[in-house]
Amino acid sequence: MELQIANGGTLEVVDGVFAREYKKGLVHQAIVAQMAADRSGTKAQKNRSAVSGGGIKPWRQKGTGRARSGTIRSPIWRSGGVNFAASNRDYSQKMNKKQYRAAISAILSELVRQERLVVVEEFAIDEPKTKTMLAKLSDLGLSNDTLIVTVEDDRNIALSARNLIGCEATTVSMVNSVNLVAHDKVVMTADAVKSIQEWLA
């Protein structure tokens, strides 16, 4: 199949990447897996074995008139351990490479069908200015809610997009299921399309 380039001309692409059947369940699984992998999971507390001290019984079992106690690090003591303490956790979910690539292809294909994928010959900004980025998007008939995908990391593009609410700039290596579906339009350079196609085909 052929993709229309905004500046004029067409780009030949593989049907298996840009004209694939949309599988809702597979795409959902890829998005959930990506969002789960993005969770930090760094919440942690100390249980009674992790807090320092408490290696000896504070007083003898009987005869003191006080309640029996085995350690000063009991959860009911001040500075004691936490009951059911949270620990560092990995939220990532297993998803096969073949499944993930199929999900990305399905998303790209749906973007093409919905006319939300815009291909340009090149996307470059001479200096990092938000006003320049706005003008560039306006020339393409796009709103701020746009994902810009290039092959290499471009500092000028990244800085220009940073202050625009909804606008995001990324590279082919950082494209994922979440940022592809999160924006109204996706702008890709012709080289980025070819690079993604090599990865997914």
N, C-alpha and C. Protein backbone atom coordinates (compact mmCIF):
# COMPACT_ATOMS: atom_id res chain seq x y z
N MET A 1 0.84 -1.20 0.00
CA MET A 1 0.00 0.00 0.00
C MET A 1 0.88 1.25 0.00
N GLU A 2 0.26 2.40 -0.22
CA GLU A 2 0.98 3.66 -0.27
C GLU A 2 0.41 4.64 0.76
N LEU A 3 1.31 5.35 1.42
CA LEU A 3 0.91 6.41 2.34
C LEU A 3 1.15 7.76 1.66
N GLN A 4 0.18 8.65 1.83
CA GLN A 4 0.32 9.98 1.24
C GLN A 4 1.24 10.84 2.11
N ILE A 5 2.23 11.47 1.48
CA ILE A 5 3.12 12.39 2.19
C ILE A 5 2.51 13.79 2.13
N ALA A 6 2.45 14.45 3.29
CA ALA A 6 1.77 15.75 3.39
C ALA A 6 2.37 16.79 2.45
N ASN A 7 3.67 16.77 2.29
CA ASN A 7 4.33 17.77 1.45
C ASN A 7 4.25 17.42 -0.04
N GLY A 8 3.62 16.29 -0.35
CA GLY A 8 3.53 15.86 -1.75
C GLY A 8 4.24 14.54 -1.98
N GLY A 9 3.64 13.69 -2.79
CA GLY A 9 4.24 12.39 -3.08
C GLY A 9 3.63 11.28 -2.24
N THR A 10 4.13 10.07 -2.46
CA THR A 10 3.64 8.91 -1.72
C THR A 10 4.82 8.09 -1.22
N LEU A 11 4.52 7.22 -0.26
CA LEU A 11 5.54 6.35 0.32
C LEU A 11 5.01 4.92 0.34
N GLU A 12 5.75 4.01 -0.28
CA GLU A 12 5.35 2.60 -0.34
C GLU A 12 5.64 1.94 1.00
N VAL A 13 4.61 1.29 1.60
CA VAL A 13 4.78 0.61 2.88
C VAL A 13 4.21 -0.81 2.80
N VAL A 14 4.53 -1.60 3.82
CA VAL A 14 4.11 -3.00 3.87
C VAL A 14 2.71 -3.10 4.47
N ASP A 15 1.84 -3.89 3.85
CA ASP A 15 0.47 -4.07 4.35
C ASP A 15 0.44 -4.68 5.74
N GLY A 16 1.41 -5.55 6.02
CA GLY A 16 1.44 -6.24 7.31
C GLY A 16 1.69 -5.31 8.49
N VAL A 17 2.17 -4.10 8.22
CA VAL A 17 2.44 -3.14 9.28
C VAL A 17 1.40 -2.02 9.31
N PHE A 18 0.99 -1.54 8.13
CA PHE A 18 0.11 -0.38 8.07
C PHE A 18 -1.29 -0.69 7.52
N ALA A 19 -1.58 -1.96 7.30
CA ALA A 19 -2.94 -2.34 6.87
C ALA A 19 -3.34 -3.63 7.56
N ARG A 20 -3.05 -3.71 8.82
CA ARG A 20 -3.31 -4.91 9.60
C ARG A 20 -4.69 -4.84 10.26
N GLU A 21 -5.27 -5.99 10.51
CA GLU A 21 -6.56 -6.04 11.21
C GLU A 21 -6.40 -5.53 12.64
N TYR A 22 -7.37 -4.74 13.08
CA TYR A 22 -7.32 -4.19 14.44
C TYR A 22 -7.88 -5.20 15.43
N LYS A 23 -7.02 -5.62 16.38
CA LYS A 23 -7.43 -6.57 17.40
C LYS A 23 -7.48 -5.83 18.75
N LYS A 24 -8.69 -5.54 19.17
CA LYS A 24 -8.90 -4.71 20.35
C LYS A 24 -8.28 -5.34 21.61
N GLY A 25 -8.45 -6.64 21.78
CA GLY A 25 -7.92 -7.31 22.97
C GLY A 25 -6.40 -7.25 23.05
N LEU A 26 -5.76 -7.46 21.91
CA LEU A 26 -4.29 -7.44 21.86
C LEU A 26 -3.76 -6.03 22.14
N VAL A 27 -4.41 -5.03 21.56
CA VAL A 27 -3.99 -3.64 21.78
C VAL A 27 -4.19 -3.26 23.24
N HIS A 28 -5.30 -3.67 23.82
CA HIS A 28 -5.57 -3.40 25.24
C HIS A 28 -4.49 -4.02 26.12
N GLN A 29 -4.12 -5.25 25.80
CA GLN A 29 -3.09 -5.94 26.57
C GLN A 29 -1.75 -5.19 26.49
N ALA A 30 -1.41 -4.70 25.31
CA ALA A 30 -0.15 -3.97 25.11
C ALA A 30 -0.15 -2.66 25.89
N ILE A 31 -1.28 -1.97 25.89
CA ILE A 31 -1.37 -0.68 26.61
C ILE A 31 -1.28 -0.90 28.12
N VAL A 32 -2.00 -1.90 28.63
CA VAL A 32 -1.96 -2.20 30.06
C VAL A 32 -0.54 -2.60 30.48
N ALA A 33 0.13 -3.41 29.65
CA ALA A 33 1.50 -3.85 29.96
C ALA A 33 2.46 -2.66 29.98
N GLN A 34 2.28 -1.73 29.05
CA GLN A 34 3.15 -0.55 28.99
C GLN A 34 2.93 0.35 30.21
N MET A 35 1.68 0.57 30.57
CA MET A 35 1.38 1.42 31.72
C MET A 35 1.84 0.76 33.03
N ALA A 36 1.73 -0.55 33.10
CA ALA A 36 2.20 -1.27 34.30
C ALA A 36 3.72 -1.18 34.42
N ALA A 37 4.42 -1.27 33.27
CA ALA A 37 5.88 -1.18 33.28
C ALA A 37 6.36 0.21 33.68
N ASP A 38 5.52 1.23 33.44
CA ASP A 38 5.89 2.60 33.78
C ASP A 38 5.74 2.90 35.27
N ARG A 39 5.06 2.03 36.01
CA ARG A 39 4.87 2.26 37.44
C ARG A 39 6.20 2.04 38.17
N SER A 40 6.51 2.93 39.11
CA SER A 40 7.82 2.85 39.78
C SER A 40 7.89 1.70 40.78
N GLY A 41 6.83 1.48 41.53
CA GLY A 41 6.83 0.38 42.49
C GLY A 41 7.86 0.56 43.60
N THR A 42 8.18 1.81 43.96
CA THR A 42 9.24 2.05 44.95
C THR A 42 8.71 2.29 46.36
N LYS A 43 7.41 2.18 46.56
CA LYS A 43 6.86 2.36 47.90
C LYS A 43 7.37 1.25 48.82
N ALA A 44 7.94 1.62 49.97
CA ALA A 44 8.49 0.59 50.87
C ALA A 44 8.43 1.07 52.32
N GLN A 45 8.16 0.14 53.22
CA GLN A 45 8.18 0.40 54.65
C GLN A 45 8.97 -0.73 55.32
N LYS A 46 9.35 -0.52 56.57
CA LYS A 46 10.15 -1.52 57.27
C LYS A 46 9.25 -2.35 58.19
N ASN A 47 9.36 -3.66 58.08
CA ASN A 47 8.64 -4.54 59.00
C ASN A 47 9.53 -4.77 60.24
N ARG A 48 9.09 -5.60 61.15
CA ARG A 48 9.80 -5.76 62.42
C ARG A 48 11.18 -6.38 62.24
N SER A 49 11.42 -7.08 61.15
CA SER A 49 12.74 -7.67 60.93
C SER A 49 13.70 -6.68 60.27
N ALA A 50 13.15 -5.59 59.70
CA ALA A 50 13.99 -4.64 58.97
C ALA A 50 14.44 -3.46 59.84
N VAL A 51 13.69 -3.13 60.90
CA VAL A 51 14.10 -2.01 61.76
C VAL A 51 15.26 -2.45 62.64
N SER A 52 16.09 -1.49 63.02
CA SER A 52 17.28 -1.84 63.80
C SER A 52 16.93 -2.05 65.27
N GLY A 53 17.77 -2.82 65.95
CA GLY A 53 17.60 -3.07 67.38
C GLY A 53 16.65 -4.21 67.67
N GLY A 54 16.36 -4.38 68.95
CA GLY A 54 15.38 -5.38 69.34
C GLY A 54 15.89 -6.80 69.41
N GLY A 55 17.19 -6.97 69.59
CA GLY A 55 17.73 -8.33 69.60
C GLY A 55 17.60 -9.02 70.94
N ILE A 56 17.11 -8.33 71.95
CA ILE A 56 17.03 -8.91 73.29
C ILE A 56 15.65 -8.61 73.89
N LYS A 57 15.20 -9.50 74.71
CA LYS A 57 13.92 -9.29 75.40
C LYS A 57 14.08 -8.09 76.35
N PRO A 58 13.19 -7.08 76.27
CA PRO A 58 13.40 -5.85 77.06
C PRO A 58 13.36 -6.06 78.57
N TRP A 59 12.55 -6.98 79.05
CA TRP A 59 12.57 -7.35 80.48
C TRP A 59 12.09 -8.78 80.62
N ARG A 60 12.30 -9.33 81.79
CA ARG A 60 11.96 -10.74 81.97
C ARG A 60 10.47 -10.98 81.83
N GLN A 61 10.10 -12.23 81.61
CA GLN A 61 8.73 -12.58 81.29
C GLN A 61 7.78 -12.30 82.46
N LYS A 62 8.24 -12.62 83.67
CA LYS A 62 7.33 -12.52 84.82
C LYS A 62 7.94 -11.68 85.94
N GLY A 63 7.08 -11.16 86.75
CA GLY A 63 7.53 -10.53 87.99
C GLY A 63 7.72 -9.04 87.94
N THR A 64 7.62 -8.41 86.80
CA THR A 64 7.84 -6.96 86.75
C THR A 64 6.54 -6.17 86.88
N GLY A 65 5.41 -6.81 86.65
CA GLY A 65 4.13 -6.13 86.69
C GLY A 65 3.76 -5.51 85.35
N ARG A 66 4.68 -5.56 84.42
CA ARG A 66 4.40 -5.01 83.09
C ARG A 66 3.96 -6.11 82.14
N ALA A 67 3.35 -5.70 81.04
CA ALA A 67 2.92 -6.68 80.06
C ALA A 67 4.14 -7.39 79.46
N ARG A 68 4.00 -8.68 79.20
CA ARG A 68 5.12 -9.44 78.64
C ARG A 68 5.47 -8.89 77.24
N SER A 69 6.74 -8.86 76.94
CA SER A 69 7.19 -8.34 75.65
C SER A 69 8.45 -9.07 75.22
N GLY A 70 8.55 -9.35 73.93
CA GLY A 70 9.70 -10.10 73.42
C GLY A 70 10.71 -9.23 72.68
N THR A 71 10.27 -8.07 72.16
CA THR A 71 11.18 -7.20 71.41
C THR A 71 10.67 -5.77 71.43
N ILE A 72 11.60 -4.83 71.42
CA ILE A 72 11.20 -3.42 71.38
C ILE A 72 10.83 -3.00 69.96
N ARG A 73 10.98 -3.89 68.99
CA ARG A 73 10.63 -3.58 67.60
C ARG A 73 9.28 -4.16 67.19
N SER A 74 8.47 -4.49 68.17
CA SER A 74 7.11 -4.95 67.90
C SER A 74 6.31 -3.82 67.27
N PRO A 75 5.38 -4.11 66.38
CA PRO A 75 4.58 -3.07 65.72
C PRO A 75 3.79 -2.19 66.69
N ILE A 76 3.54 -2.66 67.92
CA ILE A 76 2.78 -1.83 68.85
C ILE A 76 3.67 -0.89 69.65
N TRP A 77 4.96 -0.99 69.42
CA TRP A 77 5.92 -0.10 70.11
C TRP A 77 6.26 1.09 69.22
N ARG A 78 6.60 2.21 69.88
CA ARG A 78 7.11 3.37 69.15
C ARG A 78 8.43 2.98 68.47
N SER A 79 8.60 3.39 67.22
CA SER A 79 9.78 3.05 66.40
C SER A 79 9.84 1.57 66.06
N GLY A 80 8.72 0.87 66.26
CA GLY A 80 8.69 -0.55 65.89
C GLY A 80 8.43 -0.73 64.40
N GLY A 81 8.38 -1.97 63.98
CA GLY A 81 8.13 -2.27 62.57
C GLY A 81 6.68 -2.01 62.19
N VAL A 82 6.41 -2.02 60.91
CA VAL A 82 5.07 -1.77 60.39
C VAL A 82 4.38 -3.10 60.09
N ASN A 83 3.13 -3.21 60.54
CA ASN A 83 2.35 -4.41 60.20
C ASN A 83 2.05 -4.45 58.71
N PHE A 84 2.21 -5.58 58.08
CA PHE A 84 1.92 -5.74 56.65
C PHE A 84 2.61 -4.66 55.82
N ALA A 85 3.90 -4.48 56.04
CA ALA A 85 4.67 -3.41 55.41
C ALA A 85 4.71 -3.58 53.89
N ALA A 86 4.57 -2.43 53.20
CA ALA A 86 4.71 -2.45 51.73
C ALA A 86 6.18 -2.65 51.38
N SER A 87 6.44 -3.29 50.24
CA SER A 87 7.82 -3.52 49.82
C SER A 87 7.96 -3.16 48.35
N ASN A 88 9.20 -2.96 47.90
CA ASN A 88 9.45 -2.67 46.50
C ASN A 88 8.83 -3.75 45.62
N ARG A 89 8.23 -3.31 44.52
CA ARG A 89 7.47 -4.25 43.71
C ARG A 89 7.64 -3.96 42.23
N ASP A 90 7.73 -5.00 41.45
CA ASP A 90 7.82 -4.87 39.99
C ASP A 90 6.45 -5.15 39.41
N TYR A 91 5.84 -4.12 38.78
CA TYR A 91 4.48 -4.26 38.24
C TYR A 91 4.46 -4.73 36.78
N SER A 92 5.64 -4.88 36.18
CA SER A 92 5.69 -5.20 34.74
C SER A 92 5.01 -6.54 34.43
N GLN A 93 4.41 -6.60 33.26
CA GLN A 93 3.71 -7.79 32.83
C GLN A 93 4.42 -8.41 31.62
N LYS A 94 4.37 -9.70 31.54
CA LYS A 94 5.04 -10.40 30.44
C LYS A 94 4.21 -10.29 29.16
N MET A 95 4.88 -9.87 28.09
CA MET A 95 4.23 -9.85 26.78
C MET A 95 5.27 -10.22 25.74
N ASN A 96 4.99 -11.21 24.93
CA ASN A 96 5.94 -11.66 23.92
C ASN A 96 6.23 -10.58 22.90
N LYS A 97 7.45 -10.58 22.35
CA LYS A 97 7.84 -9.59 21.34
C LYS A 97 6.91 -9.65 20.13
N LYS A 98 6.56 -10.86 19.73
CA LYS A 98 5.70 -11.03 18.56
C LYS A 98 4.33 -10.40 18.81
N GLN A 99 3.79 -10.60 20.00
CA GLN A 99 2.50 -10.01 20.37
C GLN A 99 2.59 -8.49 20.38
N TYR A 100 3.67 -7.97 20.99
CA TYR A 100 3.81 -6.52 21.12
C TYR A 100 3.94 -5.86 19.75
N ARG A 101 4.73 -6.46 18.87
CA ARG A 101 4.89 -5.91 17.52
C ARG A 101 3.57 -5.94 16.76
N ALA A 102 2.82 -7.02 16.95
CA ALA A 102 1.51 -7.12 16.30
C ALA A 102 0.57 -6.04 16.80
N ALA A 103 0.64 -5.73 18.11
CA ALA A 103 -0.21 -4.69 18.70
C ALA A 103 0.16 -3.31 18.14
N ILE A 104 1.46 -3.03 18.04
CA ILE A 104 1.91 -1.74 17.49
C ILE A 104 1.46 -1.61 16.03
N SER A 105 1.59 -2.70 15.27
CA SER A 105 1.16 -2.69 13.87
C SER A 105 -0.34 -2.44 13.76
N ALA A 106 -1.11 -3.05 14.66
CA ALA A 106 -2.57 -2.86 14.65
C ALA A 106 -2.92 -1.40 14.96
N ILE A 107 -2.20 -0.79 15.89
CA ILE A 107 -2.44 0.61 16.23
C ILE A 107 -2.11 1.51 15.05
N LEU A 108 -0.96 1.28 14.42
CA LEU A 108 -0.56 2.09 13.26
C LEU A 108 -1.56 1.95 12.12
N SER A 109 -2.03 0.73 11.91
CA SER A 109 -3.02 0.49 10.85
C SER A 109 -4.32 1.22 11.12
N GLU A 110 -4.72 1.24 12.38
CA GLU A 110 -5.95 1.95 12.75
C GLU A 110 -5.77 3.46 12.60
N LEU A 111 -4.58 3.96 12.91
CA LEU A 111 -4.30 5.38 12.72
C LEU A 111 -4.41 5.77 11.25
N VAL A 112 -3.93 4.88 10.37
CA VAL A 112 -4.03 5.13 8.93
C VAL A 112 -5.49 5.14 8.50
N ARG A 113 -6.27 4.17 8.98
CA ARG A 113 -7.68 4.08 8.59
C ARG A 113 -8.47 5.30 9.08
N GLN A 114 -8.12 5.81 10.25
CA GLN A 114 -8.83 6.96 10.81
C GLN A 114 -8.23 8.29 10.34
N GLU A 115 -7.25 8.21 9.45
CA GLU A 115 -6.56 9.40 8.91
C GLU A 115 -5.96 10.25 10.02
N ARG A 116 -5.40 9.58 11.01
CA ARG A 116 -4.75 10.27 12.13
C ARG A 116 -3.22 10.21 12.01
N LEU A 117 -2.71 9.47 11.04
CA LEU A 117 -1.26 9.39 10.80
C LEU A 117 -0.89 10.34 9.67
N VAL A 118 0.00 11.28 9.97
CA VAL A 118 0.45 12.26 8.98
C VAL A 118 1.93 12.01 8.70
N VAL A 119 2.24 11.75 7.44
CA VAL A 119 3.63 11.49 7.05
C VAL A 119 4.19 12.73 6.36
N VAL A 120 5.37 13.17 6.78
CA VAL A 120 6.04 14.31 6.17
C VAL A 120 7.43 13.88 5.71
N GLU A 121 7.95 14.56 4.70
CA GLU A 121 9.28 14.23 4.19
C GLU A 121 10.34 14.46 5.26
N GLU A 122 10.23 15.59 5.95
CA GLU A 122 11.10 15.88 7.08
C GLU A 122 10.41 16.83 8.04
N PHE A 123 10.86 16.82 9.28
CA PHE A 123 10.29 17.71 10.30
C PHE A 123 11.46 18.29 11.07
N ALA A 124 11.79 19.55 10.77
CA ALA A 124 12.96 20.17 11.40
C ALA A 124 12.62 21.59 11.83
N ILE A 125 13.24 22.01 12.93
CA ILE A 125 13.08 23.37 13.46
C ILE A 125 14.48 23.94 13.69
N ASP A 126 14.70 25.15 13.18
CA ASP A 126 16.04 25.75 13.24
C ASP A 126 16.46 26.13 14.65
N GLU A 127 15.50 26.60 15.46
CA GLU A 127 15.81 27.00 16.83
C GLU A 127 14.67 26.60 17.74
N PRO A 128 14.98 26.35 19.01
CA PRO A 128 13.93 25.88 19.93
C PRO A 128 12.97 26.99 20.35
N LYS A 129 11.88 27.13 19.60
CA LYS A 129 10.86 28.13 19.90
C LYS A 129 9.47 27.52 19.81
N THR A 130 8.67 27.75 20.84
CA THR A 130 7.31 27.23 20.86
C THR A 130 6.48 27.82 19.72
N LYS A 131 6.70 29.10 19.44
CA LYS A 131 5.95 29.78 18.38
C LYS A 131 6.23 29.13 17.02
N THR A 132 7.49 28.72 16.81
CA THR A 132 7.86 28.06 15.56
C THR A 132 7.16 26.71 15.43
N MET A 133 7.09 25.98 16.56
CA MET A 133 6.41 24.68 16.55
C MET A 133 4.92 24.86 16.25
N LEU A 134 4.30 25.87 16.85
CA LEU A 134 2.88 26.14 16.60
C LEU A 134 2.64 26.43 15.12
N ALA A 135 3.53 27.22 14.54
CA ALA A 135 3.39 27.56 13.12
C ALA A 135 3.56 26.33 12.25
N LYS A 136 4.50 25.46 12.63
CA LYS A 136 4.76 24.23 11.87
C LYS A 136 3.53 23.32 11.90
N LEU A 137 2.95 23.16 13.07
CA LEU A 137 1.75 22.31 13.20
C LEU A 137 0.57 22.92 12.46
N SER A 138 0.46 24.25 12.53
CA SER A 138 -0.63 24.95 11.86
C SER A 138 -0.55 24.78 10.34
N ASP A 139 0.67 24.80 9.80
CA ASP A 139 0.87 24.60 8.35
C ASP A 139 0.39 23.22 7.91
N LEU A 140 0.49 22.25 8.83
CA LEU A 140 0.04 20.89 8.51
C LEU A 140 -1.44 20.69 8.87
N GLY A 141 -2.08 21.73 9.40
CA GLY A 141 -3.49 21.63 9.78
C GLY A 141 -3.71 20.81 11.03
N LEU A 142 -2.74 20.87 11.96
CA LEU A 142 -2.80 20.05 13.16
C LEU A 142 -2.96 20.92 14.40
N SER A 143 -3.52 20.32 15.44
CA SER A 143 -3.67 20.99 16.73
C SER A 143 -2.46 20.66 17.61
N ASN A 144 -2.50 21.16 18.85
CA ASN A 144 -1.41 20.87 19.80
C ASN A 144 -1.34 19.40 20.18
N ASP A 145 -2.48 18.71 20.13
CA ASP A 145 -2.55 17.31 20.56
C ASP A 145 -1.93 16.41 19.50
N THR A 146 -0.61 16.46 19.39
CA THR A 146 0.09 15.76 18.32
C THR A 146 1.34 15.08 18.86
N LEU A 147 1.59 13.87 18.38
CA LEU A 147 2.84 13.16 18.67
C LEU A 147 3.75 13.26 17.45
N ILE A 148 4.98 13.73 17.65
CA ILE A 148 5.93 13.89 16.56
C ILE A 148 7.00 12.81 16.70
N VAL A 149 7.15 11.98 15.66
CA VAL A 149 8.10 10.87 15.70
C VAL A 149 9.19 11.08 14.66
N THR A 150 10.43 11.11 15.13
CA THR A 150 11.58 11.22 14.24
C THR A 150 12.53 10.04 14.49
N VAL A 151 13.49 9.86 13.60
CA VAL A 151 14.44 8.75 13.77
C VAL A 151 15.43 9.06 14.88
N GLU A 152 16.03 10.23 14.81
CA GLU A 152 17.02 10.65 15.80
C GLU A 152 16.40 11.68 16.76
N ASP A 153 16.97 11.73 17.95
CA ASP A 153 16.51 12.71 18.94
C ASP A 153 16.91 14.11 18.49
N ASP A 154 15.94 15.00 18.36
CA ASP A 154 16.19 16.37 17.92
C ASP A 154 15.89 17.32 19.08
N ARG A 155 16.93 17.95 19.61
CA ARG A 155 16.77 18.82 20.78
C ARG A 155 15.85 20.00 20.50
N ASN A 156 15.97 20.59 19.32
CA ASN A 156 15.14 21.75 18.98
C ASN A 156 13.66 21.39 18.96
N ILE A 157 13.34 20.22 18.40
CA ILE A 157 11.95 19.76 18.35
C ILE A 157 11.43 19.47 19.76
N ALA A 158 12.26 18.79 20.55
CA ALA A 158 11.85 18.43 21.91
C ALA A 158 11.59 19.66 22.77
N LEU A 159 12.47 20.66 22.68
CA LEU A 159 12.30 21.87 23.48
C LEU A 159 11.13 22.72 22.99
N SER A 160 10.91 22.72 21.69
CA SER A 160 9.81 23.50 21.12
C SER A 160 8.46 22.90 21.48
N ALA A 161 8.40 21.58 21.60
CA ALA A 161 7.13 20.90 21.91
C ALA A 161 6.84 20.86 23.40
N ARG A 162 7.86 21.07 24.20
CA ARG A 162 7.74 20.87 25.65
C ARG A 162 6.68 21.76 26.30
N ASN A 163 6.56 23.00 25.84
CA ASN A 163 5.62 23.94 26.47
C ASN A 163 4.22 23.89 25.88
N LEU A 164 4.02 23.07 24.87
CA LEU A 164 2.69 22.94 24.27
C LEU A 164 1.93 21.81 24.95
N ILE A 165 0.80 22.13 25.55
CA ILE A 165 0.01 21.11 26.24
C ILE A 165 -0.51 20.11 25.21
N GLY A 166 -0.22 18.84 25.43
CA GLY A 166 -0.70 17.79 24.53
C GLY A 166 0.30 17.42 23.47
N CYS A 167 1.29 18.25 23.21
CA CYS A 167 2.27 17.98 22.16
C CYS A 167 3.44 17.19 22.75
N GLU A 168 3.89 16.18 22.03
CA GLU A 168 4.98 15.33 22.50
C GLU A 168 5.89 14.97 21.33
N ALA A 169 7.19 15.01 21.58
CA ALA A 169 8.17 14.62 20.57
C ALA A 169 8.92 13.39 21.06
N THR A 170 9.09 12.41 20.18
CA THR A 170 9.78 11.19 20.56
C THR A 170 10.53 10.63 19.36
N THR A 171 11.26 9.56 19.60
CA THR A 171 12.00 8.90 18.52
C THR A 171 11.40 7.53 18.24
N VAL A 172 11.82 6.92 17.16
CA VAL A 172 11.31 5.60 16.79
C VAL A 172 11.58 4.58 17.90
N SER A 173 12.75 4.67 18.52
CA SER A 173 13.11 3.71 19.56
C SER A 173 12.26 3.86 20.83
N MET A 174 11.62 5.03 21.01
CA MET A 174 10.82 5.28 22.20
C MET A 174 9.32 5.21 21.94
N VAL A 175 8.93 4.91 20.72
CA VAL A 175 7.50 4.78 20.40
C VAL A 175 6.91 3.58 21.13
N ASN A 176 5.74 3.77 21.72
CA ASN A 176 5.08 2.65 22.39
C ASN A 176 3.57 2.74 22.21
N SER A 177 2.88 1.75 22.70
CA SER A 177 1.44 1.66 22.50
C SER A 177 0.69 2.82 23.16
N VAL A 178 1.19 3.31 24.28
CA VAL A 178 0.49 4.36 25.03
C VAL A 178 0.58 5.70 24.31
N ASN A 179 1.81 6.12 23.92
CA ASN A 179 1.90 7.45 23.29
C ASN A 179 1.30 7.47 21.89
N LEU A 180 1.18 6.32 21.23
CA LEU A 180 0.55 6.29 19.91
C LEU A 180 -0.95 6.54 19.98
N VAL A 181 -1.59 6.02 21.02
CA VAL A 181 -3.05 6.17 21.13
C VAL A 181 -3.46 7.40 21.93
N ALA A 182 -2.49 8.04 22.60
CA ALA A 182 -2.83 9.14 23.51
C ALA A 182 -3.06 10.46 22.80
N HIS A 183 -2.69 10.55 21.53
CA HIS A 183 -2.77 11.83 20.82
C HIS A 183 -3.77 11.78 19.67
N ASP A 184 -4.28 12.95 19.34
CA ASP A 184 -5.26 13.06 18.26
C ASP A 184 -4.62 12.73 16.91
N LYS A 185 -3.39 13.24 16.69
CA LYS A 185 -2.68 12.98 15.44
C LYS A 185 -1.26 12.53 15.73
N VAL A 186 -0.70 11.75 14.81
CA VAL A 186 0.69 11.31 14.92
C VAL A 186 1.42 11.74 13.65
N VAL A 187 2.47 12.55 13.81
CA VAL A 187 3.27 13.00 12.68
C VAL A 187 4.56 12.18 12.64
N MET A 188 4.84 11.57 11.49
CA MET A 188 6.07 10.79 11.33
C MET A 188 6.82 11.26 10.09
N THR A 189 8.12 11.32 10.21
CA THR A 189 8.92 11.60 9.02
C THR A 189 8.96 10.34 8.17
N ALA A 190 9.27 10.49 6.90
CA ALA A 190 9.35 9.33 6.00
C ALA A 190 10.40 8.34 6.49
N ASP A 191 11.53 8.86 6.99
CA ASP A 191 12.58 7.98 7.51
C ASP A 191 12.11 7.22 8.75
N ALA A 192 11.30 7.87 9.57
CA ALA A 192 10.76 7.22 10.77
C ALA A 192 9.81 6.08 10.38
N VAL A 193 9.00 6.31 9.36
CA VAL A 193 8.09 5.27 8.87
C VAL A 193 8.88 4.06 8.38
N LYS A 194 9.94 4.32 7.62
CA LYS A 194 10.78 3.23 7.11
C LYS A 194 11.45 2.48 8.26
N SER A 195 11.91 3.21 9.27
CA SER A 195 12.58 2.59 10.42
C SER A 195 11.62 1.72 11.22
N ILE A 196 10.41 2.23 11.42
CA ILE A 196 9.39 1.45 12.16
C ILE A 196 9.01 0.20 11.36
N GLN A 197 8.92 0.36 10.06
CA GLN A 197 8.57 -0.76 9.21
C GLN A 197 9.63 -1.86 9.26
N GLU A 198 10.91 -1.47 9.30
CA GLU A 198 12.00 -2.46 9.43
C GLU A 198 11.91 -3.20 10.77
N TRP A 199 11.51 -2.47 11.80
CA TRP A 199 11.37 -3.09 13.13
C TRP A 199 10.20 -4.06 13.19
N LEU A 200 9.08 -3.71 12.59
CA LEU A 200 7.85 -4.49 12.73
C LEU A 200 7.65 -5.54 11.65
N ALA A 201 8.23 -5.34 10.49
CA ALA A 201 7.96 -6.25 9.35
C ALA A 201 8.58 -7.62 9.58
